[in-house]
Amino acid sequence: MKITKYSILMMLLVSFGAFAQQSNPDSQVEFGVIEGPIFVPSIADQIRNNTFIPADDDRDKKGHPKRKNRNNVIPGKGTSSSYVDPKMALQENAETFLNRAPLQTFDTTTNTATPSDPTGTVGPNHYLAAWNVAFRIFDKSGNALTPAANLSTIFPGNNLGDPIVFFDADVDNGPGEPKGRFVITEFDQSPNGFNVAVCQGPDPVNDGWHVYTTGFETGSFPDYTKFAVWADSYIVTANISNSNRVFAVERKEMIEGNAAQFVALPLPNLSTSGFYSPSAFHTTDDELAPDGTPAPIVYLQDDAWGGVSTDHLKVWNATIDWSNPANSSMSSPQIIDTTPFISVFDGGSFSNLKQPAGPDIDAMQATVMNQTQYRRFPDHNSAVLNFVIDVVSANGQGENEKAGIRWYELRQDSDGDDWEIYQEGTYTSPTGNKHAWAGSMAMNADGDIGLGYSTVSDTERIALQYTGRRASDPLNIMTAGENLIVQSTTNNTNSRYADYAHLTNDLTDGSFWHVSEYFQNGRRDMVGQFVIEPAGADDIGVISIDSPVDAGVYTLDEPIVISIRNFGTNDITDPEVQYIVNEEAAVVENYSGTIASGTTVSYTFDQTADLSAGGNFTIHTRTNLSGDTNPQNDPFKISVEGDGTLGTDTLPLSQSGITVVNLPNNQFNIELNTAYDGIMMFEVMNMGGQIVSFNNLYKEGAGYSYSLDMSYAATGVYLIRMGDQISNTYQTAKIIVK
C-alpha cells in the first residue's frame, strides 16, 4: 500500500484488508480483494488548495516500450502472393454521399510524449481527454475547464502512464443529476497491475474520486490495457506474458467506494503473433447486459501465425461470479470464419507505413483497436470492432503494402446466443492512395456507425479523418465520404504513432467524438465531433493555419496563410475570410476565385501581421459566408510563441540583419551585412524541417549577398537560416513561394 497525504487520513477511517490472491487450479481462475479506496479531492478543490499537480513538459519523453519484440510470423504461411483484399472492391465501387463537416475540432494537448497514447470520452456535460502521463477536462464546446493535470493528481505517487478513460453511463447520481460516472485508469509496476479512479459524481471537475491506487495485481506487467464496462464488471485485457490475460473488477463496489474484488482468467486456445491485443465488449450506453451475463472477449486470428489454419475471429465468454469468485470461468472460444485478410506488415516488424519524410510508421498490426463497442436493441445485440490489414501485399512481405481497415458488426439474437457476422467490410481511403489505419468505431442509438481513423502516404502527411454509415444503408460498406478532422503540417520523426485512438458516442445527441494524434512541429492530439448525415449546400470553413506555426522568430511583416475547405455541395465563389491576432482589430479580405465542392484551397492574406514583439500570440481565423449551413466549423485558431524581431540573436560579428527582396518568378535576393570574414551558410527548410537548399559561401570583407531560385519548390512557406555554422548562430527569415 502506498502511503500518501491522501491515504493517511483514510487509514484512520477505513481498515485496509491485506491483498490475498488465490487460485482455482481446475479453471485457472485467480481472485483477490483490495480493501477500501483512497479518497482524492476534486480537481477544483486541488486547484483551490494548491495541491494540484500540473502536467510535466514531456515533449521529449519516450513512452513505454510497447511492442518491442518483432511479431512471430511464419514466412510464406497464410494467404498466397498476388493478394488483393476480397472486400476492398466493394467499398471502392460503393456509392457514397458527401458527409457533413466536423461539428467542431479542438486540441486536447500540444505537448506530448512519444507517442501520445490519446484517449478521451464524452459525457453529458464534459469531455475528458488523456494522453501518456496527463489528462485534462473540457466542456462540450472544447473549452478547457482545468489545466493539464499530471496523472499523479489522481493517482498519488504514480504517473507511469498509458491512461485509458471511459464513461460508465449506467450510474444513478440522484435527483436532478445526469446519469453516469467518468473513470480514469493507468498501469502500475509496484506491484505490476493497474489503477482505477472512479468519479464520485457526474462532474469530473467538481466531484471527488474513489481511487484504487495499490493496483489490481497482474503478475507480469500489463502492457497495452483496454477497459470495458460490462454488466456488473469492469473488464480489462492486456498484452501480458502471464497465462491469465483477462481481468474483471467489481464495478458496483467501486462506484460506491467499497472494497472491490477482482478475477483473472486465461484465454484458452489463443494464438497470437507474439503480441496480445484481445478486446472485451464495452457497453456504449446505459443499457447494460443483466448482471452475471458472460462478458465477450474478441481477437483476430491470422493464418500467417503459427497454429492458425484459416483467418477467423475468436470470441470467448468470461463468466464472473462475484458472490463466489472461485466459480468464475472462461469458455472455449467460438470460432467465426471471416473473409480472408492479412494483418501482417513487413514480416511482423513495426516500421511499416511510408510518410513524405522520416521513418516508416508502425501500423499497429495484430491489434483489435480501442474499443469494441456494444449496444442492445429490442431484437438483437450488436458489437462493432476493427483492425488494420494489408490490402494488396504479398502476405505482408512485399514493398507494395497498403493499409486498410477491416471492420465488423457482430450480432446475437439474444443474450447467450452465438455471435454472427452481420456486416464485414474493408475500408480504404478513397483518394491519394493513402494508408488508412489507427481506427476506432462506435454505434449510436439509431444504429449509425462512426469510424475515425488516420491516413498517410509518401506524399501526404498524417491526417485525422472520419467516415461512417447510416443504419439503413447497404451492408458491408461505409457510405459516408472521407472527411478531414485535421491535416498535419510536419512529419512524424519517430516510427511510433498514437498507440491508441478513441471514438466515443455522445448519448445526448448521437454524435461521435474521435481523438487521435497529428503533427504540427511536434505531437498534438485533436478531437473531432461529427455526425453521419449529408452535407449542407453552402458550408466552408478554415481547417488549418499553415503560417505561422509553433515557436519561431517572427517579424513585423509576418504572412498569415490558411487552408479553406468547401464541405458543402455547392461551389463557393469569392468568400470573405478574416483573421485576428490576440484582441486586435479583425483583418477582413476576400478569397478570389471559386472553391469547388469537396476541395481545399490555400489563401495568403494580403495584410501581414506584426508579431515582432515576441511572446504568445493567439491567431483566430474564420470564413464569413452568408447562409453557411454549418457555421460551427468556420473558425480555426492556434497559439504560437514568437522570439521577437529579427536581429536579436546576434552573430559573432557586426551585422545589421537579413534583407530579403522578392523578385519575379519566385527568385529571392538575400543579403546579410557583416564585417565578418569567413564561411557563411545559407540554408532553406520547409516548415516540416526538411532542407530544400543548402550553400556555403566564403567572402572577405563586409556584405554577403545570395540569390536564391525557388521556382522549383512547392508552394508554401519556407524558413531561411543564414549565418555561422561553426558557432551555430544564425539569422532567420521567411519566404513564401506562390
Foldseek 3Di string as FASTA:
>chain_A
DDDDPQCVVVVVVFPWDDWDWDADVVFRKIKTWTWFFGWAAAQQVCVVVVNFAADDQAQAAAADPPPVDFFAFDPPWADFFQFFFPFAVVFLPDAFFQWAAFLAKDFQDPGAHVAFQWEWEDAQFWIWIGTFFWIFIGGPLHHTPHHIGGNCSQQPPDRNGNKYKYKAFAADQDPPFHGIWIKIKDFDVLPAAIKIWIFLGHDRRHTIIGIHRVHDDDPFHFAPKAWADAAQWIKIAGFGPDQFGIKIKGRVCRNVRGMIMMMTGGQPPDFASSTDAKAWEHEFHNDHDHPQFWIKIKFWDGRSTPPDPATWMWIKTWGADPVDRNPTHIGHTDTAHDRHFAQAAQSRDQFHAAFQDATRAGQLGRHWAPHFYWDDDPFKIKTKIKFKTFRRGRRNNDDPTAIWIWMFIWMDRDGPGDIYTPAIHIDAQNDDSWHWGQWEWDAFPQRKIKIWTWIHHNYFAIFIWIFTDGNPDDGHYGRHHIHTQAGALAHDNDNYFNSHKYWGAYNVPGWIWIWGWGHFPGIIIMITIGDGDHYAAFAKAWRDWQPPTAEDADAQFGKTKTKMAGSHQAKDAFWKKWKDKDPDDIDIGTDHGIHHHGDMDMDIDPGGHGCQQWAKIKMKMFTDDPPHPSRSRGIDIDMYTHPHHWPPQPAPWDWDGWDWDQDPLQKIKIKIWTQDFAKKKKWKAASNGHTPDIDIDGDHGTMDMDMDHCNVPDFDKMKIWMGDVVVPTTTIDMDTDD
